[in-house]
């Protein structure tokens, strides 16, 4: 029986975990699960170059062919609502559960929102995922003022 590793979180840590498994010779199934619909991308340039208009789109962490070439199942747009540790499976908002033998949590962090009226009135804003940054860049959301 082959082992299946599921990496939950398709940011930098998750992509590197999947790559490291293959580099170390792991030959079981590897599944990388991410909530965003996009190919995993570099986060730091998103709030700088992309919003400044000097970059057209986020830079991918790995090329699209990397995942197929390394036999890593990339599942984007999947929101995990629960982890059933007893049954060793991830419960998804939509779709059947994803079973695992080993689970790597590479969830990263989310920016803290502006909570006080003082912060909000000074143009405090958070730049979360690519879709939020795209809305800022397109003018659908008021652009944050970086100080």
Protein backbone atom coordinates (compact mmCIF):
# COMPACT_ATOMS: atom_id res chain seq x y z
CA UNK A 1 0.00 0.00 0.00
CA UNK A 2 1.40 3.40 -0.99
CA UNK A 3 1.26 6.26 1.42
CA UNK A 4 -0.56 9.49 0.62
CA UNK A 5 0.63 12.86 1.90
CA UNK A 6 -1.71 15.82 1.71
CA UNK A 7 -0.23 19.29 2.09
CA UNK A 8 -2.87 21.77 3.21
CA UNK A 9 -1.88 25.27 2.12
CA UNK A 10 -0.59 26.16 -1.35
CA UNK A 11 1.62 29.07 -0.37
CA UNK A 12 5.42 29.06 -0.29
CA UNK A 13 5.69 26.58 2.61
CA UNK A 14 3.19 24.16 1.07
CA UNK A 15 4.78 24.16 -2.38
CA UNK A 16 8.24 23.67 -0.87
CA UNK A 17 6.95 20.83 1.32
CA UNK A 18 5.58 19.02 -1.74
CA UNK A 19 8.82 19.64 -3.68
CA UNK A 20 10.92 18.45 -0.74
CA UNK A 21 8.98 15.20 -0.50
CA UNK A 22 9.83 14.41 -4.12
CA UNK A 23 13.43 15.57 -3.76
CA UNK A 24 13.84 13.26 -0.76
CA UNK A 25 12.59 10.32 -2.86
CA UNK A 26 9.06 9.96 -1.53
CA UNK A 27 7.18 7.98 -4.19
CA UNK A 28 3.69 7.92 -2.70
CA UNK A 29 0.83 10.19 -3.66
CA UNK A 30 1.28 13.91 -2.93
CA UNK A 31 -1.68 16.28 -3.01
CA UNK A 32 -1.34 20.03 -2.53
CA UNK A 33 -4.60 21.73 -1.51
CA UNK A 34 -5.12 25.50 -1.74
CA UNK A 35 -8.13 27.74 -1.22
CA UNK A 36 -7.37 30.20 -4.01
CA UNK A 37 -8.19 29.40 -7.64
CA UNK A 38 -4.82 30.64 -8.90
CA UNK A 39 -1.57 28.78 -9.41
CA UNK A 40 0.46 29.20 -6.17
CA UNK A 41 2.27 32.56 -6.38
CA UNK A 42 4.85 34.69 -4.60
CA UNK A 43 3.17 36.80 -1.94
CA UNK A 44 5.63 39.68 -1.23
CA UNK A 45 5.62 41.19 -4.75
CA UNK A 46 1.81 41.22 -4.68
CA UNK A 47 1.62 44.15 -2.27
CA UNK A 48 4.47 46.00 -3.93
CA UNK A 49 5.13 45.52 -7.66
CA UNK A 50 1.65 44.32 -8.60
CA UNK A 51 -0.23 47.14 -6.87
CA UNK A 52 2.32 49.67 -8.14
CA UNK A 53 1.53 48.54 -11.69
CA UNK A 54 5.07 47.38 -12.48
CA UNK A 55 4.05 43.71 -12.69
CA UNK A 56 1.11 42.36 -14.70
CA UNK A 57 0.31 39.31 -12.59
CA UNK A 58 1.63 37.48 -9.55
CA UNK A 59 4.82 35.50 -10.08
CA UNK A 60 4.18 31.76 -9.73
CA UNK A 61 6.21 29.88 -7.13
CA UNK A 62 6.73 27.08 -9.67
CA UNK A 63 5.79 26.80 -13.32
CA UNK A 64 2.55 25.05 -14.17
CA UNK A 65 4.44 22.02 -15.50
CA UNK A 66 6.25 21.49 -12.20
CA UNK A 67 3.24 19.89 -10.49
CA UNK A 68 2.56 17.36 -13.25
CA UNK A 69 6.28 16.73 -13.72
CA UNK A 70 6.73 15.96 -10.04
CA UNK A 71 3.48 13.97 -9.85
CA UNK A 72 1.94 16.41 -7.37
CA UNK A 73 -1.82 16.69 -7.56
CA UNK A 74 -2.56 20.41 -7.31
CA UNK A 75 -6.09 21.13 -6.07
CA UNK A 76 -6.83 24.83 -6.14
CA UNK A 77 -10.10 26.49 -5.18
CA UNK A 78 -10.72 23.92 -2.45
CA UNK A 79 -11.92 25.26 0.91
CA UNK A 80 -11.34 22.82 3.75
CA UNK A 81 -13.97 23.17 6.47
CA UNK A 82 -12.74 20.49 8.89
CA UNK A 83 -10.02 17.95 9.52
CA UNK A 84 -11.32 14.56 10.60
CA UNK A 85 -8.24 13.19 12.34
CA UNK A 86 -9.90 9.91 13.30
CA UNK A 87 -10.86 9.06 9.72
CA UNK A 88 -7.74 10.82 8.31
CA UNK A 89 -9.56 12.99 5.84
CA UNK A 90 -10.17 16.63 4.97
CA UNK A 91 -13.77 17.74 4.75
CA UNK A 92 -14.34 20.17 1.88
CA UNK A 93 -17.00 22.85 1.51
CA UNK A 94 -17.82 21.42 -1.92
CA UNK A 95 -16.92 17.94 -3.05
CA UNK A 96 -15.97 14.64 -1.50
CA UNK A 97 -13.45 14.42 1.37
CA UNK A 98 -9.74 14.00 0.67
CA UNK A 99 -8.16 11.09 2.51
CA UNK A 100 -4.56 11.10 3.75
CA UNK A 101 -2.02 8.94 5.54
CA UNK A 102 0.05 11.97 6.53
CA UNK A 103 -1.04 15.59 6.68
CA UNK A 104 1.22 18.64 6.49
CA UNK A 105 -0.35 21.89 7.67
CA UNK A 106 1.25 24.77 5.79
CA UNK A 107 -1.50 27.30 6.30
CA UNK A 108 0.53 30.48 6.63
CA UNK A 109 -1.13 33.54 8.10
CA UNK A 110 -3.69 36.18 7.23
CA UNK A 111 -3.13 39.89 7.76
CA UNK A 112 -4.86 41.47 10.73
CA UNK A 113 -7.67 43.76 9.57
CA UNK A 114 -7.83 47.43 10.46
CA UNK A 115 -10.14 47.59 13.45
CA UNK A 116 -10.05 51.06 14.93
CA UNK A 117 -11.76 54.06 13.39
CA UNK A 118 -8.41 55.91 13.53
CA UNK A 119 -6.71 53.26 11.39
CA UNK A 120 -9.58 53.17 8.91
CA UNK A 121 -9.64 56.95 8.52
CA UNK A 122 -5.90 57.06 7.78
CA UNK A 123 -6.25 54.69 4.84
CA UNK A 124 -5.16 51.52 6.61
CA UNK A 125 -5.87 48.51 4.42
CA UNK A 126 -4.81 44.90 4.20
CA UNK A 127 -3.66 43.21 1.03
CA UNK A 128 -4.70 39.60 1.25
CA UNK A 129 -4.99 37.18 -1.64
CA UNK A 130 -4.49 37.89 -5.32
CA UNK A 131 -8.18 38.61 -5.85
CA UNK A 132 -8.12 41.43 -3.27
CA UNK A 133 -5.01 42.93 -4.83
CA UNK A 134 -6.64 42.71 -8.27
CA UNK A 135 -9.68 44.58 -6.96
CA UNK A 136 -7.41 47.33 -5.59
CA UNK A 137 -5.49 47.53 -8.88
CA UNK A 138 -8.70 47.66 -10.95
CA UNK A 139 -10.13 50.43 -8.78
CA UNK A 140 -13.02 48.30 -7.49
CA UNK A 141 -11.81 48.85 -3.94
CA UNK A 142 -10.32 52.12 -2.67
CA UNK A 143 -6.57 51.87 -3.03
CA UNK A 144 -4.67 51.72 0.24
CA UNK A 145 -2.19 54.48 1.04
CA UNK A 146 1.09 52.94 2.07
CA UNK A 147 3.03 55.02 4.54
